[in-house]
Protein backbone atom coordinates (compact mmCIF):
# COMPACT_ATOMS: atom_id res chain seq x y z
CA MET A 1 -81.30 -69.23 34.76
CA ASP A 2 -78.32 -71.05 32.51
CA PHE A 3 -80.08 -72.79 30.52
CA ILE A 4 -80.46 -70.43 27.82
CA GLU A 5 -77.37 -68.34 25.92
CA ARG A 6 -78.21 -65.43 23.49
CA LYS A 7 -76.36 -67.35 19.80
CA SER A 8 -77.01 -63.60 17.69
CA ILE A 9 -79.60 -61.31 17.94
CA ASN A 10 -82.77 -63.82 17.27
CA ALA A 11 -81.26 -66.83 17.63
CA PHE A 12 -80.67 -68.70 21.02
CA ILE A 13 -79.47 -72.35 22.53
CA LEU A 14 -81.53 -74.16 24.97
CA HIS A 15 -80.06 -77.00 27.84
CA LEU A 16 -82.37 -79.10 28.02
CA TYR A 17 -81.89 -83.19 30.22
CA ILE A 18 -85.27 -84.71 29.20
CA LYS A 19 -87.15 -87.38 30.90
CA PRO A 20 -89.22 -88.88 28.68
CA ASN A 21 -92.13 -92.14 29.46
CA SER A 22 -92.92 -89.93 32.21
CA LYS A 23 -97.03 -89.75 33.85
CA ARG A 24 -97.24 -86.09 32.55
CA GLN A 25 -94.36 -82.97 30.86
CA GLU A 26 -93.67 -80.97 33.15
CA ILE A 27 -90.83 -78.45 32.97
CA ILE A 28 -88.47 -77.82 35.89
CA ASP A 29 -85.37 -75.04 36.33
CA ASP A 30 -82.70 -77.23 37.33
CA GLY A 31 -80.35 -74.20 37.34
CA ASP A 32 -77.96 -75.26 34.84
CA TYR A 33 -80.03 -77.00 32.66
CA LEU A 34 -84.29 -76.66 31.61
CA LYS A 35 -85.58 -80.16 33.09
CA ILE A 36 -88.68 -81.52 30.55
CA LYS A 37 -90.91 -84.49 31.31
CA LEU A 38 -91.81 -85.86 28.49
CA ARG A 39 -95.16 -88.62 28.47
CA SER A 40 -93.63 -90.57 25.11
CA LYS A 41 -91.28 -92.98 25.06
CA PRO A 42 -87.87 -92.46 23.71
CA ILE A 43 -88.73 -94.96 20.91
CA GLN A 44 -88.51 -94.11 16.99
CA ASN A 45 -88.28 -90.66 18.05
CA LYS A 46 -91.12 -90.11 19.83
CA ALA A 47 -89.56 -87.98 22.98
CA ASN A 48 -87.81 -85.72 20.34
CA ILE A 49 -90.80 -85.15 18.63
CA GLU A 50 -93.11 -84.07 21.73
CA LEU A 51 -90.48 -82.40 23.07
CA LEU A 52 -90.29 -80.40 19.46
CA ASN A 53 -94.05 -79.72 19.38
CA LEU A 54 -94.52 -78.44 23.31
CA LEU A 55 -91.01 -76.00 22.82
CA ARG A 56 -92.83 -75.14 19.61
CA LYS A 57 -96.03 -74.33 20.83
CA LYS A 58 -94.71 -72.58 24.03
CA LEU A 59 -92.51 -70.36 22.64
CA LYS A 60 -95.18 -69.65 19.66
CA ILE A 61 -92.66 -70.43 17.26
CA LEU A 62 -92.92 -72.11 13.52
CA SER A 63 -91.44 -76.03 13.39
CA ASN A 64 -88.54 -75.16 11.14
CA GLN A 65 -87.61 -72.33 13.90
CA ILE A 66 -86.36 -75.05 16.12
CA LYS A 67 -84.10 -77.82 16.02
CA ILE A 68 -82.03 -80.06 17.82
CA ILE A 69 -78.11 -79.59 17.19
CA SER A 70 -77.22 -82.01 19.39
CA GLY A 71 -78.11 -85.48 21.84
CA LEU A 72 -80.68 -86.58 19.21
CA LYS A 73 -80.20 -90.24 20.66
CA LYS A 74 -79.56 -88.88 25.10
CA SER A 75 -81.05 -87.38 27.38
CA HIS A 76 -79.30 -84.22 27.57
CA LYS A 77 -80.14 -81.96 24.77
CA THR A 78 -79.03 -79.65 22.65
CA ILE A 79 -81.83 -77.44 20.84
CA ILE A 80 -81.02 -73.77 19.41
CA ILE A 81 -84.30 -71.81 18.57
CA ASN A 82 -84.47 -69.12 15.85
CA PHE A 83 -86.84 -66.13 16.37
CA SER A 84 -88.34 -64.36 13.61
CA LYS A 85 -88.50 -60.84 15.79
CA ASN A 86 -85.54 -59.90 18.83
CA ILE A 87 -86.63 -60.80 21.83
CA ASP A 88 -84.79 -60.87 25.04
CA GLU A 89 -84.13 -63.98 26.98
CA GLN A 90 -86.95 -62.98 29.92
CA GLU A 91 -89.96 -62.84 27.14
CA ILE A 92 -88.81 -66.51 26.85
CA ILE A 93 -88.32 -67.53 29.95
CA LYS A 94 -92.01 -66.28 30.23
CA ARG A 95 -92.88 -68.43 27.78
CA ILE A 96 -91.56 -72.02 28.65
CA PHE A 97 -93.19 -71.18 31.99
CA SER A 98 -96.35 -69.97 31.21
C-alpha cells in the first residue's frame, strides 16, 4: 500500500485521489493512491471539509491532527496526520477501511 508513508514516529502522509460529487462516500485502495469518493461538490471548499471530517472520524483523531499539505484545489491531495500515540501503518489501514 503505497498511499501511506511514515513521516516521523507519530506522523503519517497519505496520498489521495478525490472524486467529489459522487452518489455516496466510498474509500478504495488504488495502489499508489487512496481513492475517496465524496458526496460534496468541489465548491467553496465543501469537498475538502467533507474529506477531513470523514478521515477524522475514521481515524479517531481531532481536527487539529489532520491537514491538507498539497492539492487543496486538485483531485490529487497529500494529507499529513499527527497521532498523539505511537501507531503503526496496519492500524491506520484497519481504521480507514472499517
